[in-house]
């Protein structure tokens, strides 16, 4: 879909997103679940492709409501594959459904997906000088990936989880001096923590 956008519009889509949205704290179960789903779809593709298709993916996946997706069956799988704008990767589509069910199970256990992701916030955030300096994963994203796999999540490797943590503001991955650096308000200029993790609410409040 992004190949249908003029280059200038593609660049504006990305620059606006990274300057005003990427890295802002996302603390609700719904926000983190959507981020996990989109980062899974992004693997092997450009983020511009995901941004351009995000409205269509939200439409296809019931606005990324894990309670609704957890009840998807064979008919929904066929519907998703035929949905306009869908990224037709069966493994990625299946992972969204599996992860919705795992998200609901977490809530039943007295925690939430947001709790689990934010529990791995490091004491210091990365300090990249350029986008090329960003690591593909960190010890924290590897540990989070291991926990989520243990809890039944799929398509959750350390690289995807690093992207989730960066997108949700669990770390500040903006290069030093870029417009988005410090957007979350959670980190000091030297990379140390400015304030504690935002309030995530209770497991009951995350349910719908």
C-alpha atoms as a PDB file:
ATOM      1  CA  UNK A   1       0.000   0.000   0.000  1.00  0.00           C
ATOM      2  CA  UNK A   2       2.797   2.473   0.735  1.00  0.00           C
ATOM      3  CA  UNK A   3       3.982   2.143  -2.870  1.00  0.00           C
ATOM      4  CA  UNK A   4       0.719   3.927  -3.788  1.00  0.00           C
ATOM      5  CA  UNK A   5       1.680   6.940  -1.656  1.00  0.00           C
ATOM      6  CA  UNK A   6       3.859   9.683  -3.127  1.00  0.00           C
ATOM      7  CA  UNK A   7       7.345   9.711  -1.564  1.00  0.00           C
ATOM      8  CA  UNK A   8       6.702  13.043   0.157  1.00  0.00           C
ATOM      9  CA  UNK A   9       3.524  11.718   1.769  1.00  0.00           C
ATOM     10  CA  UNK A  10       5.325   8.566   2.881  1.00  0.00           C
ATOM     11  CA  UNK A  11       8.048  10.655   4.504  1.00  0.00           C
ATOM     12  CA  UNK A  12       5.501  12.922   6.194  1.00  0.00           C
ATOM     13  CA  UNK A  13       3.602   9.885   7.521  1.00  0.00           C
ATOM     14  CA  UNK A  14       6.773   8.537   9.114  1.00  0.00           C
ATOM     15  CA  UNK A  15       8.166  11.827  10.395  1.00  0.00           C
ATOM     16  CA  UNK A  16       4.863  12.839  12.005  1.00  0.00           C
ATOM     17  CA  UNK A  17       4.528   9.434  13.662  1.00  0.00           C
ATOM     18  CA  UNK A  18       8.054   9.335  15.079  1.00  0.00           C
ATOM     19  CA  UNK A  19       7.889  12.955  16.258  1.00  0.00           C
ATOM     20  CA  UNK A  20       4.458  12.891  17.909  1.00  0.00           C
ATOM     21  CA  UNK A  21       3.362   9.311  18.660  1.00  0.00           C
ATOM     22  CA  UNK A  22       6.196   6.770  18.778  1.00  0.00           C
ATOM     23  CA  UNK A  23       7.593   6.464  22.298  1.00  0.00           C
ATOM     24  CA  UNK A  24       4.716   8.102  24.148  1.00  0.00           C
ATOM     25  CA  UNK A  25       3.808   5.932  27.163  1.00  0.00           C
ATOM     26  CA  UNK A  26       1.151   3.369  26.286  1.00  0.00           C
ATOM     27  CA  UNK A  27      -0.060   1.808  29.496  1.00  0.00           C
ATOM     28  CA  UNK A  28      -3.419   0.157  28.829  1.00  0.00           C
ATOM     29  CA  UNK A  29      -3.841  -3.480  27.919  1.00  0.00           C
ATOM     30  CA  UNK A  30      -5.529  -2.478  24.657  1.00  0.00           C
ATOM     31  CA  UNK A  31      -2.735  -0.109  23.593  1.00  0.00           C
ATOM     32  CA  UNK A  32       0.004  -2.618  24.349  1.00  0.00           C
ATOM     33  CA  UNK A  33      -1.859  -5.456  22.625  1.00  0.00           C
ATOM     34  CA  UNK A  34      -2.328  -3.379  19.482  1.00  0.00           C
ATOM     35  CA  UNK A  35       1.328  -2.403  19.539  1.00  0.00           C
ATOM     36  CA  UNK A  36       2.414  -6.037  19.917  1.00  0.00           C
ATOM     37  CA  UNK A  37       0.180  -7.015  16.998  1.00  0.00           C
ATOM     38  CA  UNK A  38       1.423  -4.235  14.709  1.00  0.00           C
ATOM     39  CA  UNK A  39       5.076  -4.868  15.574  1.00  0.00           C
ATOM     40  CA  UNK A  40       4.543  -8.518  14.731  1.00  0.00           C
ATOM     41  CA  UNK A  41       3.109  -7.593  11.356  1.00  0.00           C
ATOM     42  CA  UNK A  42       6.010  -5.192  10.753  1.00  0.00           C
ATOM     43  CA  UNK A  43       8.650  -7.942  10.893  1.00  0.00           C
ATOM     44  CA  UNK A  44      10.307  -8.011   7.467  1.00  0.00           C
ATOM     45  CA  UNK A  45       8.365  -4.967   6.263  1.00  0.00           C
ATOM     46  CA  UNK A  46       8.770  -1.203   6.542  1.00  0.00           C
ATOM     47  CA  UNK A  47       7.058   0.698   9.339  1.00  0.00           C
ATOM     48  CA  UNK A  48       5.575   2.979   6.677  1.00  0.00           C
ATOM     49  CA  UNK A  49       3.694  -0.040   5.339  1.00  0.00           C
ATOM     50  CA  UNK A  50       2.237  -0.727   8.782  1.00  0.00           C
ATOM     51  CA  UNK A  51       1.234   2.901   9.340  1.00  0.00           C
ATOM     52  CA  UNK A  52      -0.482   3.067   5.970  1.00  0.00           C
ATOM     53  CA  UNK A  53      -2.403  -0.129   6.678  1.00  0.00           C
ATOM     54  CA  UNK A  54      -3.100   0.508  10.352  1.00  0.00           C
ATOM     55  CA  UNK A  55      -6.715   1.694   9.828  1.00  0.00           C
ATOM     56  CA  UNK A  56      -7.454  -1.402   7.723  1.00  0.00           C
ATOM     57  CA  UNK A  57      -5.815  -3.723  10.243  1.00  0.00           C
ATOM     58  CA  UNK A  58      -7.838  -2.142  13.049  1.00  0.00           C
ATOM     59  CA  UNK A  59     -10.993  -2.728  11.039  1.00  0.00           C
ATOM     60  CA  UNK A  60     -10.051  -6.337  10.292  1.00  0.00           C
ATOM     61  CA  UNK A  61      -9.149  -7.179  13.910  1.00  0.00           C
ATOM     62  CA  UNK A  62     -12.123  -5.685  15.764  1.00  0.00           C
ATOM     63  CA  UNK A  63     -10.136  -2.562  16.739  1.00  0.00           C
ATOM     64  CA  UNK A  64      -7.584  -4.934  18.337  1.00  0.00           C
ATOM     65  CA  UNK A  65      -9.942  -5.812  21.180  1.00  0.00           C
ATOM     66  CA  UNK A  66      -8.355  -8.954  22.687  1.00  0.00           C
ATOM     67  CA  UNK A  67     -11.637 -10.163  24.176  1.00  0.00           C
ATOM     68  CA  UNK A  68     -13.298 -10.225  20.769  1.00  0.00           C
ATOM     69  CA  UNK A  69     -10.293 -11.635  18.924  1.00  0.00           C
ATOM     70  CA  UNK A  70      -9.930 -14.410  21.504  1.00  0.00           C
ATOM     71  CA  UNK A  71     -13.195 -15.870  20.208  1.00  0.00           C
ATOM     72  CA  UNK A  72     -12.194 -15.877  16.538  1.00  0.00           C
ATOM     73  CA  UNK A  73     -12.676 -19.185  14.742  1.00  0.00           C
ATOM     74  CA  UNK A  74     -12.140 -20.724  11.310  1.00  0.00           C
ATOM     75  CA  UNK A  75     -14.611 -18.367   9.609  1.00  0.00           C
ATOM     76  CA  UNK A  76     -12.712 -15.367  10.956  1.00  0.00           C
ATOM     77  CA  UNK A  77      -9.414 -16.759   9.676  1.00  0.00           C
ATOM     78  CA  UNK A  78     -10.880 -16.930   6.170  1.00  0.00           C
ATOM     79  CA  UNK A  79     -12.346 -13.443   6.535  1.00  0.00           C
ATOM     80  CA  UNK A  80      -9.013 -12.007   7.625  1.00  0.00           C
ATOM     81  CA  UNK A  81      -7.143 -13.513   4.685  1.00  0.00           C
ATOM     82  CA  UNK A  82      -9.662 -11.930   2.316  1.00  0.00           C
ATOM     83  CA  UNK A  83      -9.781  -8.542   4.043  1.00  0.00           C
ATOM     84  CA  UNK A  84      -8.602  -5.605   1.872  1.00  0.00           C
ATOM     85  CA  UNK A  85      -5.209  -4.366   2.958  1.00  0.00           C
ATOM     86  CA  UNK A  86      -4.448  -7.427   5.072  1.00  0.00           C
ATOM     87  CA  UNK A  87      -0.829  -8.527   5.356  1.00  0.00           C
ATOM     88  CA  UNK A  88      -1.482 -12.084   4.216  1.00  0.00           C
ATOM     89  CA  UNK A  89       0.960 -13.958   6.380  1.00  0.00           C
ATOM     90  CA  UNK A  90      -0.870 -16.828   8.065  1.00  0.00           C
ATOM     91  CA  UNK A  91       1.664 -17.087  10.866  1.00  0.00           C
ATOM     92  CA  UNK A  92       1.321 -13.417  11.767  1.00  0.00           C
ATOM     93  CA  UNK A  93      -2.478 -13.529  11.592  1.00  0.00           C
ATOM     94  CA  UNK A  94      -2.568 -16.646  13.761  1.00  0.00           C
ATOM     95  CA  UNK A  95      -0.240 -14.983  16.280  1.00  0.00           C
ATOM     96  CA  UNK A  96      -2.666 -12.100  16.802  1.00  0.00           C
ATOM     97  CA  UNK A  97      -5.420 -14.564  17.699  1.00  0.00           C
ATOM     98  CA  UNK A  98      -3.149 -16.666  19.929  1.00  0.00           C
ATOM     99  CA  UNK A  99      -1.863 -13.549  21.662  1.00  0.00           C
ATOM    100  CA  UNK A 100      -5.387 -12.267  22.282  1.00  0.00           C
ATOM    101  CA  UNK A 101      -6.184 -15.511  24.082  1.00  0.00           C
ATOM    102  CA  UNK A 102      -2.943 -15.316  26.063  1.00  0.00           C
ATOM    103  CA  UNK A 103      -3.752 -11.697  26.981  1.00  0.00           C
ATOM    104  CA  UNK A 104      -7.135 -12.732  28.363  1.00  0.00           C
ATOM    105  CA  UNK A 105      -5.477 -15.550  30.342  1.00  0.00           C
ATOM    106  CA  UNK A 106      -3.019 -13.083  31.881  1.00  0.00           C
ATOM    107  CA  UNK A 107      -5.918 -11.022  33.163  1.00  0.00           C
ATOM    108  CA  UNK A 108      -7.477 -14.115  34.717  1.00  0.00           C
ATOM    109  CA  UNK A 109      -4.156 -14.674  36.518  1.00  0.00           C
ATOM    110  CA  UNK A 110      -4.344 -11.216  38.089  1.00  0.00           C
ATOM    111  CA  UNK A 111      -1.947  -9.351  35.803  1.00  0.00           C
ATOM    112  CA  UNK A 112      -2.091  -7.748  32.350  1.00  0.00           C
ATOM    113  CA  UNK A 113      -0.035  -7.586  29.183  1.00  0.00           C
ATOM    114  CA  UNK A 114       0.771  -3.963  30.032  1.00  0.00           C
ATOM    115  CA  UNK A 115       2.019  -5.037  33.472  1.00  0.00           C
ATOM    116  CA  UNK A 116       4.311  -7.652  31.939  1.00  0.00           C
ATOM    117  CA  UNK A 117       5.781  -5.323  29.304  1.00  0.00           C
ATOM    118  CA  UNK A 118       6.391  -2.415  31.680  1.00  0.00           C
ATOM    119  CA  UNK A 119       7.914  -4.736  34.289  1.00  0.00           C
ATOM    120  CA  UNK A 120      10.976  -4.941  32.024  1.00  0.00           C
ATOM    121  CA  UNK A 121      11.632  -1.206  31.885  1.00  0.00           C
ATOM    122  CA  UNK A 122      15.409  -0.778  32.387  1.00  0.00           C
ATOM    123  CA  UNK A 123      17.076   1.547  34.861  1.00  0.00           C
ATOM    124  CA  UNK A 124      18.697   3.400  31.965  1.00  0.00           C
ATOM    125  CA  UNK A 125      17.324   3.973  28.489  1.00  0.00           C
ATOM    126  CA  UNK A 126      19.396   3.578  25.303  1.00  0.00           C
ATOM    127  CA  UNK A 127      21.364   6.628  24.172  1.00  0.00           C
ATOM    128  CA  UNK A 128      21.635   6.259  20.353  1.00  0.00           C
ATOM    129  CA  UNK A 129      23.240   9.112  18.455  1.00  0.00           C
ATOM    130  CA  UNK A 130      21.771   7.952  15.142  1.00  0.00           C
ATOM    131  CA  UNK A 131      19.048   5.508  14.112  1.00  0.00           C
ATOM    132  CA  UNK A 132      21.830   3.146  13.047  1.00  0.00           C
ATOM    133  CA  UNK A 133      23.047   3.016  16.671  1.00  0.00           C
ATOM    134  CA  UNK A 134      19.833   1.382  17.895  1.00  0.00           C
ATOM    135  CA  UNK A 135      20.329  -2.240  18.976  1.00  0.00           C
ATOM    136  CA  UNK A 136      18.052  -4.931  17.591  1.00  0.00           C
ATOM    137  CA  UNK A 137      17.367  -6.236  21.080  1.00  0.00           C
ATOM    138  CA  UNK A 138      18.401  -5.807  24.699  1.00  0.00           C
ATOM    139  CA  UNK A 139      18.693  -8.138  27.702  1.00  0.00           C
ATOM    140  CA  UNK A 140      15.344  -6.762  28.876  1.00  0.00           C
ATOM    141  CA  UNK A 141      13.577  -7.464  25.573  1.00  0.00           C
ATOM    142  CA  UNK A 142      15.070 -10.974  25.532  1.00  0.00           C
ATOM    143  CA  UNK A 143      13.826 -11.630  29.077  1.00  0.00           C
ATOM    144  CA  UNK A 144      10.381 -10.271  28.218  1.00  0.00           C
ATOM    145  CA  UNK A 145      10.253 -12.443  25.100  1.00  0.00           C
ATOM    146  CA  UNK A 146      11.069 -15.509  27.191  1.00  0.00           C
ATOM    147  CA  UNK A 147       8.333 -14.718  29.698  1.00  0.00           C
ATOM    148  CA  UNK A 148       5.671 -14.087  27.067  1.00  0.00           C
ATOM    149  CA  UNK A 149       6.573 -17.297  25.221  1.00  0.00           C
ATOM    150  CA  UNK A 150       6.269 -19.166  28.508  1.00  0.00           C
ATOM    151  CA  UNK A 151       2.825 -17.653  28.954  1.00  0.00           C
ATOM    152  CA  UNK A 152       1.619 -18.819  25.533  1.00  0.00           C
ATOM    153  CA  UNK A 153       2.336 -15.813  23.315  1.00  0.00           C
ATOM    154  CA  UNK A 154       3.531 -16.365  19.746  1.00  0.00           C
ATOM    155  CA  UNK A 155       5.767 -14.390  17.363  1.00  0.00           C
ATOM    156  CA  UNK A 156       7.388 -12.581  20.288  1.00  0.00           C
ATOM    157  CA  UNK A 157      11.144 -12.701  19.719  1.00  0.00           C
ATOM    158  CA  UNK A 158      13.564 -10.239  21.385  1.00  0.00           C
ATOM    159  CA  UNK A 159      13.674  -7.973  18.301  1.00  0.00           C
ATOM    160  CA  UNK A 160       9.894  -7.653  18.102  1.00  0.00           C
ATOM    161  CA  UNK A 161       9.696  -7.057  21.845  1.00  0.00           C
ATOM    162  CA  UNK A 162      12.393  -4.371  21.615  1.00  0.00           C
ATOM    163  CA  UNK A 163      10.195  -2.637  19.016  1.00  0.00           C
ATOM    164  CA  UNK A 164       7.189  -2.956  21.331  1.00  0.00           C
ATOM    165  CA  UNK A 165       9.123  -1.466  24.249  1.00  0.00           C
ATOM    166  CA  UNK A 166      10.348   1.435  22.116  1.00  0.00           C
ATOM    167  CA  UNK A 167       6.904   2.110  20.652  1.00  0.00           C
ATOM    168  CA  UNK A 168       5.173   1.997  24.054  1.00  0.00           C
ATOM    169  CA  UNK A 169       7.714   4.322  25.696  1.00  0.00           C
ATOM    170  CA  UNK A 170       9.136   1.624  27.975  1.00  0.00           C
ATOM    171  CA  UNK A 171      12.468   2.901  26.657  1.00  0.00           C
ATOM    172  CA  UNK A 172      13.355   6.079  24.760  1.00  0.00           C
ATOM    173  CA  UNK A 173      14.852   4.906  21.480  1.00  0.00           C
ATOM    174  CA  UNK A 174      14.843   8.281  19.719  1.00  0.00           C
ATOM    175  CA  UNK A 175      18.348   9.411  18.757  1.00  0.00           C
ATOM    176  CA  UNK A 176      19.836  12.128  20.944  1.00  0.00           C
ATOM    177  CA  UNK A 177      18.847  15.537  19.598  1.00  0.00           C
ATOM    178  CA  UNK A 178      15.959  14.260  17.469  1.00  0.00           C
ATOM    179  CA  UNK A 179      12.502  15.897  17.842  1.00  0.00           C
ATOM    180  CA  UNK A 180      11.014  12.959  19.724  1.00  0.00           C
ATOM    181  CA  UNK A 181      13.809  12.526  22.267  1.00  0.00           C
ATOM    182  CA  UNK A 182      12.410  13.009  25.774  1.00  0.00           C
ATOM    183  CA  UNK A 183       8.814  12.944  24.503  1.00  0.00           C
ATOM    184  CA  UNK A 184       7.736  10.433  27.148  1.00  0.00           C
ATOM    185  CA  UNK A 185       8.970  12.523  30.062  1.00  0.00           C
ATOM    186  CA  UNK A 186      10.268   9.384  31.788  1.00  0.00           C
ATOM    187  CA  UNK A 187      13.999   9.830  31.243  1.00  0.00           C
ATOM    188  CA  UNK A 188      16.687  12.381  32.066  1.00  0.00           C
ATOM    189  CA  UNK A 189      19.012  13.642  29.306  1.00  0.00           C
ATOM    190  CA  UNK A 190      21.762  11.293  30.548  1.00  0.00           C
ATOM    191  CA  UNK A 191      19.498   8.257  30.136  1.00  0.00           C
ATOM    192  CA  UNK A 192      18.700   7.785  33.823  1.00  0.00           C
ATOM    193  CA  UNK A 193      15.119   7.438  34.981  1.00  0.00           C
ATOM    194  CA  UNK A 194      13.351  10.721  35.726  1.00  0.00           C
ATOM    195  CA  UNK A 195      10.221   9.205  37.254  1.00  0.00           C
ATOM    196  CA  UNK A 196       8.698   5.830  37.887  1.00  0.00           C
ATOM    197  CA  UNK A 197       6.664   3.741  35.483  1.00  0.00           C
ATOM    198  CA  UNK A 198       3.258   5.341  34.791  1.00  0.00           C
ATOM    199  CA  UNK A 199       0.187   3.945  36.517  1.00  0.00           C
ATOM    200  CA  UNK A 200      -1.023   0.882  34.638  1.00  0.00           C
ATOM    201  CA  UNK A 201      -4.335   0.281  36.423  1.00  0.00           C
ATOM    202  CA  UNK A 202      -5.557  -3.061  37.696  1.00  0.00           C
ATOM    203  CA  UNK A 203      -6.207  -6.258  35.798  1.00  0.00           C
ATOM    204  CA  UNK A 204      -9.916  -5.707  36.301  1.00  0.00           C
ATOM    205  CA  UNK A 205      -9.770  -2.198  34.814  1.00  0.00           C
ATOM    206  CA  UNK A 206      -8.019  -3.528  31.717  1.00  0.00           C
ATOM    207  CA  UNK A 207     -10.876  -5.908  30.929  1.00  0.00           C
ATOM    208  CA  UNK A 208     -13.818  -4.869  28.837  1.00  0.00           C
END
